[in-house]
N, C-alpha and C. Protein backbone atom coordinates (compact mmCIF):
# COMPACT_ATOMS: atom_id res chain seq x y z
N MET A 1 9.62 -33.49 14.50
CA MET A 1 10.15 -32.76 13.69
C MET A 1 9.66 -32.58 12.39
N ALA A 2 8.74 -31.33 12.11
CA ALA A 2 8.23 -31.06 10.79
C ALA A 2 8.74 -31.45 9.56
N GLU A 3 7.72 -32.36 8.73
CA GLU A 3 8.42 -33.31 7.24
C GLU A 3 9.07 -31.90 6.43
N SER A 4 10.03 -32.73 5.71
CA SER A 4 10.53 -31.64 4.51
C SER A 4 9.40 -31.50 3.66
N ALA A 5 9.20 -29.91 3.03
CA ALA A 5 8.70 -29.68 1.98
C ALA A 5 9.13 -30.42 0.85
N ALA A 6 8.19 -30.83 0.34
CA ALA A 6 8.07 -31.43 -1.58
C ALA A 6 8.80 -30.42 -2.36
N MET A 7 10.02 -30.74 -3.30
CA MET A 7 10.30 -29.46 -3.96
C MET A 7 10.23 -29.55 -5.59
N VAL A 8 10.44 -28.72 -5.99
CA VAL A 8 9.79 -28.45 -7.41
C VAL A 8 11.33 -28.14 -8.26
N ASP A 9 11.19 -28.26 -9.46
CA ASP A 9 12.05 -27.38 -10.01
C ASP A 9 12.05 -26.01 -9.86
N LEU A 10 12.81 -25.16 -10.09
CA LEU A 10 12.75 -23.43 -10.07
C LEU A 10 12.20 -23.32 -11.65
N ASP A 11 11.89 -22.52 -11.68
CA ASP A 11 11.41 -21.76 -13.11
C ASP A 11 11.93 -20.74 -13.35
N PHE A 12 12.87 -20.58 -13.69
CA PHE A 12 13.79 -19.07 -14.03
C PHE A 12 14.50 -19.20 -15.25
N LYS A 13 14.36 -18.55 -15.67
CA LYS A 13 15.42 -18.35 -17.21
C LYS A 13 16.35 -17.05 -17.32
N ARG A 14 17.28 -17.22 -17.37
CA ARG A 14 18.57 -16.49 -17.69
C ARG A 14 18.33 -15.21 -18.79
N LYS A 15 18.41 -13.75 -18.33
CA LYS A 15 18.48 -13.23 -19.27
C LYS A 15 19.69 -12.83 -19.94
N PRO A 16 19.69 -12.56 -21.20
CA PRO A 16 21.22 -11.66 -21.59
C PRO A 16 21.40 -10.40 -20.91
N GLU A 17 22.31 -9.88 -20.55
CA GLU A 17 23.03 -8.76 -19.78
C GLU A 17 21.97 -7.34 -20.47
N SER A 18 22.06 -7.52 -21.65
CA SER A 18 21.57 -6.50 -22.27
C SER A 18 20.03 -6.27 -21.81
N GLU A 19 19.67 -7.17 -22.09
CA GLU A 19 17.86 -7.49 -21.91
C GLU A 19 17.52 -7.42 -20.45
N MET A 20 18.36 -7.75 -19.48
CA MET A 20 18.65 -7.21 -17.90
C MET A 20 18.84 -5.62 -17.79
N THR A 21 19.57 -5.33 -18.57
CA THR A 21 19.91 -3.59 -18.56
C THR A 21 18.33 -2.81 -18.89
N ARG A 22 18.18 -3.36 -19.97
CA ARG A 22 16.44 -2.72 -20.87
C ARG A 22 15.71 -2.66 -19.89
N ALA A 23 15.45 -3.90 -19.53
CA ALA A 23 13.98 -4.33 -18.55
C ALA A 23 14.21 -3.30 -17.04
N ALA A 24 15.39 -3.45 -16.41
CA ALA A 24 15.49 -2.42 -15.11
C ALA A 24 15.60 -0.85 -15.78
N GLU A 25 16.12 -0.82 -16.23
CA GLU A 25 15.57 0.49 -16.91
C GLU A 25 14.46 1.34 -17.11
N GLU A 26 13.40 0.11 -18.37
CA GLU A 26 12.33 0.40 -18.15
C GLU A 26 11.41 0.09 -17.15
N PHE A 27 12.27 -0.35 -16.05
CA PHE A 27 11.07 -0.79 -14.83
C PHE A 27 11.46 0.76 -13.97
N LEU A 28 12.40 1.25 -14.30
CA LEU A 28 12.81 2.52 -13.02
C LEU A 28 12.05 3.36 -13.89
N ALA A 29 12.08 3.46 -15.35
CA ALA A 29 11.55 4.94 -15.54
C ALA A 29 9.97 4.92 -15.24
N ILE A 30 9.37 4.03 -14.65
CA ILE A 30 8.13 3.95 -14.57
C ILE A 30 7.49 4.48 -13.15
N GLN A 31 8.13 3.25 -12.69
CA GLN A 31 8.63 4.06 -10.91
C GLN A 31 8.76 5.30 -10.39
N LYS A 32 9.95 6.06 -11.21
CA LYS A 32 9.89 6.88 -11.19
C LYS A 32 9.09 8.37 -11.08
N LYS A 33 8.19 7.79 -12.44
CA LYS A 33 6.76 8.79 -12.09
C LYS A 33 5.61 8.41 -11.42
N ARG A 34 5.95 7.37 -10.50
CA ARG A 34 4.79 7.26 -9.22
C ARG A 34 4.74 8.09 -8.53
N ARG A 35 3.88 8.88 -8.39
CA ARG A 35 3.55 10.16 -7.41
C ARG A 35 2.32 9.52 -6.36
N SER A 36 2.46 9.82 -5.31
CA SER A 36 0.99 9.84 -4.55
C SER A 36 -0.07 11.01 -4.61
N VAL A 37 -1.18 10.57 -4.79
CA VAL A 37 -2.05 11.06 -5.76
C VAL A 37 -3.48 11.38 -4.55
N ARG A 38 -3.81 12.55 -4.15
CA ARG A 38 -4.85 13.24 -3.11
C ARG A 38 -6.08 13.69 -4.18
N HIS A 39 -6.17 13.67 -4.92
CA HIS A 39 -7.27 14.42 -5.61
C HIS A 39 -7.65 13.28 -6.90
N PHE A 40 -8.44 12.02 -6.69
CA PHE A 40 -8.91 11.20 -7.43
C PHE A 40 -10.17 11.53 -8.52
N SER A 41 -10.66 11.20 -9.43
CA SER A 41 -11.31 11.44 -10.12
C SER A 41 -12.45 10.23 -9.66
N ASP A 42 -13.42 10.15 -9.87
CA ASP A 42 -14.38 9.18 -9.24
C ASP A 42 -14.91 8.43 -10.42
N GLU A 43 -14.28 8.39 -11.71
CA GLU A 43 -14.29 7.82 -12.71
C GLU A 43 -14.29 6.32 -12.39
N ASN A 44 -15.07 5.07 -13.25
CA ASN A 44 -14.69 3.88 -12.57
C ASN A 44 -13.50 3.18 -13.41
N ILE A 45 -12.72 2.53 -12.76
CA ILE A 45 -11.71 1.71 -12.65
C ILE A 45 -11.88 0.27 -13.29
N PRO A 46 -11.49 -0.48 -13.84
CA PRO A 46 -11.50 -1.96 -13.91
C PRO A 46 -11.03 -2.84 -12.62
N LEU A 47 -11.96 -3.38 -12.20
CA LEU A 47 -11.90 -4.16 -10.84
C LEU A 47 -10.66 -4.90 -11.47
N ALA A 48 -10.93 -5.77 -12.42
CA ALA A 48 -10.22 -7.17 -12.35
C ALA A 48 -8.66 -6.47 -12.43
N VAL A 49 -8.33 -5.76 -12.88
CA VAL A 49 -6.93 -5.17 -13.13
C VAL A 49 -6.76 -5.45 -11.90
N ILE A 50 -7.70 -4.46 -10.62
CA ILE A 50 -7.02 -4.20 -9.42
C ILE A 50 -6.83 -5.86 -8.52
N ARG A 51 -7.56 -6.50 -8.96
CA ARG A 51 -7.42 -8.03 -8.38
C ARG A 51 -6.24 -8.76 -8.62
N THR A 52 -6.07 -8.31 -10.10
CA THR A 52 -4.62 -8.94 -10.76
C THR A 52 -3.62 -8.49 -9.80
N CYS A 53 -3.30 -6.73 -9.66
CA CYS A 53 -2.69 -6.49 -8.62
C CYS A 53 -2.20 -6.83 -7.44
N ILE A 54 -3.27 -7.30 -6.41
CA ILE A 54 -3.53 -7.99 -5.60
C ILE A 54 -2.91 -9.04 -5.23
N GLU A 55 -3.24 -10.00 -6.66
CA GLU A 55 -2.84 -11.84 -6.61
C GLU A 55 -1.16 -11.19 -6.57
N THR A 56 -0.74 -10.00 -7.30
CA THR A 56 0.39 -9.84 -7.87
C THR A 56 1.22 -9.84 -6.39
N ALA A 57 0.79 -8.99 -5.63
CA ALA A 57 1.23 -8.41 -4.23
C ALA A 57 1.40 -9.75 -3.17
N ALA A 58 0.52 -10.75 -3.63
CA ALA A 58 0.28 -11.96 -2.58
C ALA A 58 1.70 -12.99 -3.21
N GLN A 59 2.47 -12.63 -4.52
CA GLN A 59 3.38 -13.72 -4.31
C GLN A 59 4.42 -12.89 -3.79
N ALA A 60 4.76 -12.18 -2.52
CA ALA A 60 5.96 -11.72 -2.08
C ALA A 60 6.00 -12.70 -1.32
N PRO A 61 7.60 -12.81 -0.86
CA PRO A 61 8.13 -13.80 -0.08
C PRO A 61 7.55 -13.33 1.55
N SER A 62 7.40 -14.00 2.60
CA SER A 62 6.67 -14.18 3.49
C SER A 62 7.72 -15.18 4.22
N GLY A 63 7.66 -14.95 6.16
CA GLY A 63 8.36 -15.58 7.02
C GLY A 63 7.60 -17.02 6.84
N ALA A 64 8.09 -17.96 6.70
CA ALA A 64 7.65 -19.31 6.93
C ALA A 64 6.54 -19.55 6.15
N ASN A 65 6.60 -18.79 4.75
CA ASN A 65 5.44 -18.67 3.42
C ASN A 65 4.14 -19.13 4.59
N LYS A 66 4.34 -17.93 5.62
CA LYS A 66 2.95 -18.25 6.06
C LYS A 66 1.79 -16.82 5.94
N GLN A 67 2.13 -15.99 4.63
CA GLN A 67 1.50 -14.95 4.02
C GLN A 67 0.74 -13.87 4.61
N PRO A 68 1.27 -14.04 6.02
CA PRO A 68 -0.08 -13.13 6.78
C PRO A 68 -0.51 -11.77 6.42
N TRP A 69 -1.25 -11.61 5.61
CA TRP A 69 -1.80 -10.46 4.75
C TRP A 69 -3.06 -10.90 4.51
N SER A 70 -4.16 -9.50 4.26
CA SER A 70 -5.61 -9.70 3.89
C SER A 70 -5.38 -8.50 3.30
N PHE A 71 -6.37 -8.48 2.14
CA PHE A 71 -6.60 -6.99 0.99
C PHE A 71 -8.12 -7.05 0.95
N VAL A 72 -8.17 -6.03 1.28
CA VAL A 72 -9.91 -6.04 1.77
C VAL A 72 -9.98 -4.79 0.47
N LEU A 73 -10.84 -5.13 -0.94
CA LEU A 73 -11.30 -3.59 -1.64
C LEU A 73 -12.46 -3.27 -1.54
N VAL A 74 -12.53 -2.49 -1.02
CA VAL A 74 -13.88 -1.22 -0.55
C VAL A 74 -14.11 -0.29 -1.72
N THR A 75 -15.13 -0.93 -2.60
CA THR A 75 -16.11 0.20 -3.59
C THR A 75 -17.69 0.36 -3.19
N ASP A 76 -17.96 0.07 -1.88
CA ASP A 76 -19.29 0.33 -1.47
C ASP A 76 -19.57 1.70 -1.28
N THR A 77 -20.01 2.44 -1.85
CA THR A 77 -20.12 3.94 -1.13
C THR A 77 -20.02 4.13 0.01
N ALA A 78 -21.21 3.74 0.59
CA ALA A 78 -21.77 3.84 2.61
C ALA A 78 -20.43 3.50 2.79
N LEU A 79 -19.50 2.68 2.83
CA LEU A 79 -18.39 1.86 3.62
C LEU A 79 -17.15 3.09 3.27
N LYS A 80 -17.32 3.25 2.09
CA LYS A 80 -16.29 4.79 1.71
C LYS A 80 -16.31 6.16 2.68
N LYS A 81 -17.64 6.47 2.93
CA LYS A 81 -18.25 7.15 3.65
C LYS A 81 -17.53 7.34 5.21
N LYS A 82 -17.91 6.07 5.46
CA LYS A 82 -17.62 5.16 6.79
C LYS A 82 -16.47 5.57 7.14
N ILE A 83 -15.67 4.78 6.15
CA ILE A 83 -14.21 4.86 6.58
C ILE A 83 -13.54 6.66 6.62
N ARG A 84 -14.13 7.32 5.64
CA ARG A 84 -13.53 8.88 5.86
C ARG A 84 -13.84 9.13 7.15
N ILE A 85 -14.97 9.33 7.48
CA ILE A 85 -15.74 9.91 8.99
C ILE A 85 -14.66 9.30 9.86
N GLY A 86 -14.07 7.96 9.89
CA GLY A 86 -13.84 7.61 11.05
C GLY A 86 -12.24 8.22 10.94
N ALA A 87 -11.81 8.54 9.34
CA ALA A 87 -10.35 8.31 9.37
C ALA A 87 -10.03 9.95 9.56
N GLU A 88 -11.09 10.80 9.04
CA GLU A 88 -10.76 12.17 9.39
C GLU A 88 -11.25 12.70 11.38
N LYS A 89 -11.81 11.41 12.06
CA LYS A 89 -11.64 11.98 13.35
C LYS A 89 -10.26 11.86 13.84
N GLU A 90 -9.44 10.60 13.39
CA GLU A 90 -8.07 10.66 13.80
C GLU A 90 -7.25 11.32 13.63
N GLU A 91 -7.46 12.05 11.95
CA GLU A 91 -6.58 13.21 12.00
C GLU A 91 -6.98 14.07 12.64
N ARG A 92 -8.10 14.96 12.45
CA ARG A 92 -8.20 16.15 13.48
C ARG A 92 -7.57 16.24 14.69
N GLU A 93 -7.71 14.96 15.72
CA GLU A 93 -6.84 14.92 17.03
C GLU A 93 -5.30 14.44 16.71
N PHE A 94 -4.79 14.08 15.36
CA PHE A 94 -3.50 14.20 15.07
C PHE A 94 -3.22 15.61 15.02
N TYR A 95 -3.90 16.13 14.04
CA TYR A 95 -3.01 18.04 13.94
C TYR A 95 -3.40 18.63 14.82
N GLU A 96 -4.22 18.14 15.82
CA GLU A 96 -4.78 19.08 17.02
C GLU A 96 -4.02 18.53 17.95
N SER A 97 -3.80 17.64 18.63
CA SER A 97 -2.75 17.48 19.55
C SER A 97 -1.66 16.58 19.34
N ARG A 98 -1.91 15.29 18.72
CA ARG A 98 -0.89 14.44 18.62
C ARG A 98 0.50 14.70 18.04
N ALA A 99 0.06 15.41 16.90
CA ALA A 99 1.15 15.73 16.19
C ALA A 99 2.61 16.86 16.75
N SER A 100 4.03 16.51 17.09
CA SER A 100 4.69 17.50 17.30
C SER A 100 4.92 18.89 16.34
N GLU A 101 5.05 19.53 16.71
CA GLU A 101 5.16 20.90 15.86
C GLU A 101 6.15 20.71 14.61
N ARG A 102 7.43 19.87 15.22
CA ARG A 102 8.38 19.71 14.12
C ARG A 102 7.75 18.44 13.07
N TRP A 103 7.19 17.86 13.28
CA TRP A 103 6.23 16.89 12.48
C TRP A 103 5.29 17.85 11.49
N LEU A 104 4.57 18.37 11.95
CA LEU A 104 3.50 19.56 11.60
C LEU A 104 4.41 20.38 10.42
N ASN A 105 5.56 20.99 10.70
CA ASN A 105 6.54 21.79 10.16
C ASN A 105 6.95 21.14 8.73
N ASP A 106 7.09 19.35 9.15
CA ASP A 106 7.80 18.81 7.95
C ASP A 106 6.87 18.28 6.93
N LEU A 107 5.82 18.62 7.37
CA LEU A 107 4.49 18.23 6.47
C LEU A 107 3.81 19.25 6.19
N LYS A 108 4.16 20.44 6.09
CA LYS A 108 3.87 21.96 5.53
C LYS A 108 3.97 21.87 3.90
N PRO A 109 5.10 21.36 3.49
CA PRO A 109 5.37 21.53 2.34
C PRO A 109 4.19 20.44 1.03
N PHE A 110 3.86 19.67 2.00
CA PHE A 110 2.79 18.36 1.32
C PHE A 110 1.22 19.44 1.31
N ASP A 111 1.35 20.06 1.76
CA ASP A 111 -0.45 21.00 2.04
C ASP A 111 -1.37 19.88 2.41
N THR A 112 -0.87 19.42 3.72
CA THR A 112 -1.93 17.56 4.47
C THR A 112 -2.96 18.83 5.17
N ASN A 113 -3.81 17.87 5.10
CA ASN A 113 -4.82 18.45 6.65
C ASN A 113 -5.62 17.18 6.60
N ALA A 114 -6.63 17.58 7.84
CA ALA A 114 -7.27 16.47 8.72
C ALA A 114 -8.61 16.50 7.48
N LYS A 115 -8.65 17.11 6.54
CA LYS A 115 -9.55 16.64 5.19
C LYS A 115 -9.40 15.78 4.01
N LYS A 116 -10.01 14.79 4.12
CA LYS A 116 -9.89 13.06 3.63
C LYS A 116 -11.23 13.07 2.33
N GLU A 117 -10.68 14.43 1.57
CA GLU A 117 -11.92 13.73 0.18
C GLU A 117 -11.65 12.64 -0.23
N CYS A 118 -10.20 12.20 -0.29
CA CYS A 118 -9.89 11.29 -1.39
C CYS A 118 -10.82 9.98 -1.25
N LEU A 119 -10.98 9.55 0.11
CA LEU A 119 -11.11 8.81 0.57
C LEU A 119 -12.78 8.41 0.24
N GLU A 120 -13.52 9.03 -0.46
CA GLU A 120 -14.76 9.50 -1.12
C GLU A 120 -14.66 9.10 -2.81
N GLN A 121 -13.98 9.77 -3.06
CA GLN A 121 -13.46 10.44 -4.40
C GLN A 121 -13.33 9.33 -5.39
N ALA A 122 -11.99 8.69 -4.77
CA ALA A 122 -11.58 7.56 -5.15
C ALA A 122 -12.66 6.28 -5.45
N PRO A 123 -12.76 5.58 -6.66
CA PRO A 123 -13.38 4.61 -6.54
C PRO A 123 -13.46 3.03 -6.16
N ALA A 124 -11.85 3.28 -5.42
CA ALA A 124 -11.48 2.09 -4.43
C ALA A 124 -10.88 2.47 -3.66
N LEU A 125 -11.03 1.85 -2.61
CA LEU A 125 -9.78 1.75 -1.45
C LEU A 125 -9.62 0.09 -1.21
N ILE A 126 -7.79 -0.02 -1.18
CA ILE A 126 -7.75 -1.18 -0.54
C ILE A 126 -7.00 -1.53 0.67
N VAL A 127 -7.33 -2.04 1.60
CA VAL A 127 -7.18 -1.63 2.97
C VAL A 127 -6.36 -3.28 3.38
N VAL A 128 -5.13 -2.73 3.76
CA VAL A 128 -4.21 -4.00 3.90
C VAL A 128 -4.20 -4.48 5.25
N PHE A 129 -4.45 -5.71 5.78
CA PHE A 129 -4.43 -5.85 6.64
C PHE A 129 -3.40 -7.04 6.95
N ALA A 130 -2.24 -7.04 8.28
CA ALA A 130 -1.77 -7.81 8.59
C ALA A 130 -2.00 -8.82 9.74
N GLN A 131 -1.85 -9.98 9.56
CA GLN A 131 -2.18 -11.23 10.17
C GLN A 131 -1.37 -11.34 10.85
N ARG A 132 -1.77 -11.28 12.51
CA ARG A 132 -0.43 -11.22 14.05
C ARG A 132 -0.16 -12.92 13.97
N HIS A 133 -1.40 -13.32 13.93
CA HIS A 133 -1.14 -14.74 13.61
C HIS A 133 -2.28 -15.64 12.62
N GLY A 134 -2.44 -16.95 12.87
CA GLY A 134 -3.41 -17.49 11.78
C GLY A 134 -4.73 -17.39 12.86
N LYS A 135 -5.78 -17.97 12.05
CA LYS A 135 -7.40 -18.04 13.00
C LYS A 135 -7.27 -18.93 14.13
N ASN A 136 -5.90 -19.59 14.17
CA ASN A 136 -5.95 -20.34 15.57
C ASN A 136 -4.81 -19.85 16.22
N ARG A 137 -4.79 -19.24 17.30
CA ARG A 137 -3.54 -18.61 17.71
C ARG A 137 -2.04 -19.88 18.37
N THR A 138 -2.20 -21.10 17.67
CA THR A 138 -0.95 -21.89 17.88
C THR A 138 -0.97 -21.56 16.27
N ASP A 139 -1.11 -21.09 15.50
CA ASP A 139 -0.58 -21.14 14.09
C ASP A 139 0.26 -19.58 14.09
N GLN A 140 1.20 -19.61 14.56
CA GLN A 140 2.27 -18.99 14.95
C GLN A 140 2.75 -18.03 13.62
N HIS A 141 2.64 -16.59 13.24
CA HIS A 141 3.56 -15.37 12.01
C HIS A 141 4.79 -15.35 12.61
N TYR A 142 5.34 -15.70 11.24
CA TYR A 142 7.01 -14.61 11.57
C TYR A 142 6.96 -13.44 11.06
N TYR A 143 7.87 -12.36 11.41
CA TYR A 143 8.32 -11.37 10.42
C TYR A 143 6.86 -10.92 9.84
N VAL A 144 5.90 -10.46 10.76
CA VAL A 144 4.94 -9.88 10.12
C VAL A 144 4.91 -8.62 9.15
N ASN A 145 5.68 -7.50 9.54
CA ASN A 145 5.87 -6.44 9.33
C ASN A 145 6.81 -6.31 8.10
N GLU A 146 7.59 -7.16 8.13
CA GLU A 146 8.59 -7.22 6.94
C GLU A 146 8.04 -7.68 6.02
N SER A 147 6.70 -9.03 6.03
CA SER A 147 6.30 -9.68 5.06
C SER A 147 4.93 -8.73 4.44
N VAL A 148 4.53 -8.14 4.77
CA VAL A 148 3.44 -7.42 4.67
C VAL A 148 3.57 -6.27 3.96
N GLY A 149 4.93 -5.56 4.40
CA GLY A 149 5.56 -4.45 3.89
C GLY A 149 5.95 -4.50 2.49
N ILE A 150 6.26 -6.22 2.58
CA ILE A 150 7.36 -6.05 0.68
C ILE A 150 5.70 -6.69 0.31
N ALA A 151 4.65 -6.92 0.57
CA ALA A 151 3.63 -7.11 -0.02
C ALA A 151 2.91 -5.71 -0.44
N SER A 152 2.98 -4.98 -0.04
CA SER A 152 2.36 -3.87 -0.21
C SER A 152 3.14 -2.93 -0.91
N GLY A 153 4.66 -3.08 -0.78
CA GLY A 153 5.12 -2.34 -2.00
C GLY A 153 4.99 -2.93 -3.43
N LEU A 154 5.27 -4.43 -3.39
CA LEU A 154 4.98 -4.67 -4.67
C LEU A 154 3.35 -4.61 -5.23
N LEU A 155 2.49 -4.36 -4.37
CA LEU A 155 0.91 -4.05 -4.80
C LEU A 155 1.15 -2.44 -5.30
N LEU A 156 1.83 -1.60 -4.54
CA LEU A 156 2.27 -0.10 -5.09
C LEU A 156 2.50 -0.13 -6.69
N ALA A 157 4.03 -0.71 -6.86
CA ALA A 157 4.48 -0.73 -8.31
C ALA A 157 3.70 -0.96 -9.17
N ALA A 158 2.77 -2.22 -8.57
CA ALA A 158 1.73 -3.41 -9.57
C ALA A 158 0.79 -2.39 -9.98
N LEU A 159 0.05 -1.47 -9.21
CA LEU A 159 -1.13 -0.72 -9.50
C LEU A 159 -0.55 0.43 -10.46
N HIS A 160 0.89 0.90 -10.07
CA HIS A 160 1.17 1.80 -10.71
C HIS A 160 1.62 1.69 -12.43
N ASN A 161 2.21 0.24 -12.44
CA ASN A 161 2.73 -0.14 -13.68
C ASN A 161 1.43 -0.14 -14.61
N ALA A 162 0.04 -0.60 -13.95
CA ALA A 162 -1.23 -1.16 -14.47
C ALA A 162 -2.09 0.09 -15.16
N GLY A 163 -1.66 1.62 -14.58
CA GLY A 163 -2.10 2.56 -14.98
C GLY A 163 -2.54 3.21 -14.35
N LEU A 164 -2.21 2.83 -12.85
CA LEU A 164 -3.41 3.88 -11.97
C LEU A 164 -2.83 4.32 -11.20
N ALA A 165 -3.29 5.52 -10.39
CA ALA A 165 -3.12 6.28 -9.61
C ALA A 165 -3.23 5.59 -7.70
N THR A 166 -2.50 6.29 -6.80
CA THR A 166 -2.27 4.97 -5.97
C THR A 166 -2.01 6.59 -4.59
N LEU A 167 -2.50 6.30 -3.49
CA LEU A 167 -2.20 7.44 -2.20
C LEU A 167 -1.76 6.06 -1.38
N THR A 168 -0.38 6.30 -0.51
CA THR A 168 -0.36 5.42 0.62
C THR A 168 -0.56 6.26 1.90
N TYR A 169 -1.22 5.77 2.77
CA TYR A 169 -2.33 6.20 3.82
C TYR A 169 -2.09 5.74 5.14
N THR A 170 -1.77 6.02 6.31
CA THR A 170 -1.54 5.53 7.48
C THR A 170 -2.22 6.38 8.51
N PRO A 171 -3.75 6.46 8.75
CA PRO A 171 -3.85 7.29 9.73
C PRO A 171 -4.21 6.43 11.03
N SER A 172 -3.49 7.34 12.00
CA SER A 172 -3.10 6.59 13.45
C SER A 172 -4.07 7.04 14.62
N PRO A 173 -4.58 5.68 15.19
CA PRO A 173 -4.65 4.71 15.08
C PRO A 173 -5.17 3.99 13.79
N MET A 174 -5.58 2.77 13.20
CA MET A 174 -6.36 2.14 12.84
C MET A 174 -7.32 1.53 13.01
N LYS A 175 -7.43 1.42 14.28
CA LYS A 175 -8.58 0.42 14.59
C LYS A 175 -10.14 0.50 13.97
N PHE A 176 -9.91 1.64 13.82
CA PHE A 176 -11.76 1.86 13.25
C PHE A 176 -11.80 1.12 11.75
N LEU A 177 -10.71 1.18 10.85
CA LEU A 177 -10.60 -0.05 9.82
C LEU A 177 -11.42 -1.07 10.22
N HIS A 178 -10.41 -1.69 11.63
CA HIS A 178 -10.75 -2.84 11.96
C HIS A 178 -12.34 -3.47 12.38
N GLU A 179 -12.83 -1.89 12.90
CA GLU A 179 -14.08 -2.40 13.06
C GLU A 179 -15.77 -2.14 11.98
N ILE A 180 -15.08 -0.97 10.94
CA ILE A 180 -15.80 -1.08 9.70
C ILE A 180 -16.09 -2.12 9.11
N LEU A 181 -14.93 -2.93 8.67
CA LEU A 181 -14.72 -3.74 7.79
C LEU A 181 -14.76 -5.24 8.64
N HIS A 182 -15.08 -5.36 10.28
CA HIS A 182 -15.33 -6.58 10.47
C HIS A 182 -14.60 -7.50 9.98
N ARG A 183 -13.17 -6.98 10.76
CA ARG A 183 -11.65 -7.81 10.31
C ARG A 183 -12.18 -8.91 11.39
N PRO A 184 -11.33 -9.83 11.45
CA PRO A 184 -11.28 -10.94 12.56
C PRO A 184 -10.07 -10.18 13.95
N GLU A 185 -10.27 -10.77 14.95
CA GLU A 185 -9.38 -10.20 15.94
C GLU A 185 -7.89 -11.02 15.62
N ASN A 186 -7.49 -11.37 14.31
CA ASN A 186 -6.05 -11.52 14.59
C ASN A 186 -5.32 -10.56 13.72
N GLU A 187 -6.23 -9.64 12.52
CA GLU A 187 -5.72 -9.00 11.66
C GLU A 187 -5.43 -7.72 12.43
N ARG A 188 -4.82 -6.49 12.27
CA ARG A 188 -4.67 -5.24 11.90
C ARG A 188 -4.50 -4.59 11.29
N ALA A 189 -4.79 -3.25 10.92
CA ALA A 189 -5.01 -2.35 9.46
C ALA A 189 -3.37 -2.47 9.73
N TYR A 190 -3.13 -1.95 8.25
CA TYR A 190 -1.39 -1.59 8.22
C TYR A 190 -1.43 -0.83 7.29
N LEU A 191 -2.07 -0.23 5.76
CA LEU A 191 -2.12 0.59 5.49
C LEU A 191 -3.47 0.56 4.34
N LEU A 192 -3.95 1.82 4.34
CA LEU A 192 -5.16 1.97 3.52
C LEU A 192 -4.65 2.89 2.13
N ILE A 193 -4.70 2.36 1.08
CA ILE A 193 -4.63 3.14 -0.22
C ILE A 193 -6.01 2.86 -0.97
N PRO A 194 -6.02 4.45 -1.24
CA PRO A 194 -7.04 4.70 -2.36
C PRO A 194 -6.75 4.58 -3.95
N VAL A 195 -7.90 4.09 -4.65
CA VAL A 195 -6.71 3.91 -6.17
C VAL A 195 -8.05 4.08 -6.83
N GLY A 196 -7.50 4.83 -7.93
CA GLY A 196 -8.49 5.54 -9.14
C GLY A 196 -7.34 6.18 -10.42
N TYR A 197 -7.99 6.70 -11.05
CA TYR A 197 -7.13 7.78 -12.19
C TYR A 197 -7.37 9.02 -11.11
N PRO A 198 -6.54 10.09 -11.21
CA PRO A 198 -6.02 11.01 -11.04
C PRO A 198 -7.02 11.93 -11.77
N ILE A 199 -7.49 13.42 -10.87
CA ILE A 199 -8.59 14.48 -11.43
C ILE A 199 -7.48 15.22 -12.44
N LYS A 200 -8.27 15.03 -13.63
CA LYS A 200 -7.67 16.34 -14.63
C LYS A 200 -7.05 17.48 -14.31
N ASN A 201 -5.77 17.47 -14.70
CA ASN A 201 -4.56 18.32 -14.23
C ASN A 201 -4.51 18.26 -12.78
N CYS A 202 -4.28 17.44 -12.31
CA CYS A 202 -3.76 17.12 -11.10
C CYS A 202 -2.41 17.97 -10.82
N THR A 203 -2.14 18.32 -9.58
CA THR A 203 -0.53 18.64 -9.39
C THR A 203 -0.22 17.47 -8.30
N VAL A 204 0.91 17.69 -8.16
CA VAL A 204 1.06 17.45 -6.89
C VAL A 204 2.61 17.97 -6.60
N PRO A 205 3.00 17.64 -5.12
CA PRO A 205 4.49 18.55 -4.34
C PRO A 205 5.51 18.40 -5.33
N ALA A 206 6.55 19.24 -5.28
CA ALA A 206 7.51 19.24 -6.06
C ALA A 206 8.65 19.07 -5.11
N ILE A 207 8.94 17.61 -5.17
CA ILE A 207 9.71 17.07 -4.28
C ILE A 207 11.14 16.51 -4.87
N ARG A 208 11.95 16.16 -4.40
CA ARG A 208 13.36 15.99 -4.68
C ARG A 208 13.89 14.10 -4.40
N ARG A 209 14.21 13.54 -5.29
CA ARG A 209 14.76 11.92 -4.89
C ARG A 209 15.90 12.44 -4.23
N LYS A 210 16.38 11.46 -3.34
CA LYS A 210 17.88 11.29 -3.27
C LYS A 210 18.69 10.97 -4.07
N LYS A 211 19.53 11.24 -4.51
CA LYS A 211 20.78 10.62 -5.91
C LYS A 211 20.88 9.47 -5.43
N LEU A 212 21.45 8.60 -6.43
CA LEU A 212 21.69 6.77 -6.18
C LEU A 212 23.23 7.22 -4.86
N GLU A 213 24.07 7.95 -5.30
CA GLU A 213 25.24 7.83 -4.41
C GLU A 213 24.57 8.16 -3.11
N GLU A 214 23.91 9.21 -2.42
CA GLU A 214 23.39 9.09 -1.19
C GLU A 214 22.73 8.02 -0.15
N TYR A 215 22.46 7.17 -1.64
CA TYR A 215 21.73 5.99 -0.37
C TYR A 215 22.10 4.37 -0.47
N LEU A 216 22.84 4.70 -1.65
CA LEU A 216 24.09 3.00 -2.30
C LEU A 216 25.48 2.90 -1.64
N ILE A 217 25.96 2.40 -0.93
CA ILE A 217 26.81 1.80 -0.36
C ILE A 217 27.71 0.57 -0.71
N GLU A 218 28.37 0.83 -1.46
CA GLU A 218 29.13 -0.45 -2.28
C GLU A 218 30.32 -0.85 -1.44
N ILE A 219 30.44 -1.81 -1.01
CA ILE A 219 31.85 -2.41 -0.75
C ILE A 219 32.63 -3.52 -1.16
């Protein structure tokens, strides 16, 4: 039987209700402005900020505290070009043969296509990898998708909160990322995130968010 973990005091300070309300509303207001951006400026961004946001993501809870994630920060121009070439190959096959007619119709309002210039335009790419198990196969990981999903959500919120634009991108399949970035066999690509500043006069699709009463059920 495994030994019990050592315990430490919880660092938690209760806030007055008024402060809780203010903090929650301020964070909501910030996140309401987050949008997926597909047109990036090539202007340099502070990489120290991105590293801090990645560290924030890694504070996410995970199954049995296995922390089954890796974050690859790509700024090298040649590597970004390789990633774009690999992504566009998969995208062409998606639009030409893999996607159903219904799926393509659902994508029409977003004016997306197989061209992914943003992968070279954005000054940085973050590739999130999920670790199916530890480097040793006997090191089992649990709730990997859930754990990495939570970490990815924290990362997107942190980057937006810091003043950076992002795109959540999941070309399928993503094995090319594993090969280009020389990741170990226990990892699989989970999410590709271009990061930077939007171009001047950037536009995004006019979308509607569901209202609270459409997704909140109180019992």
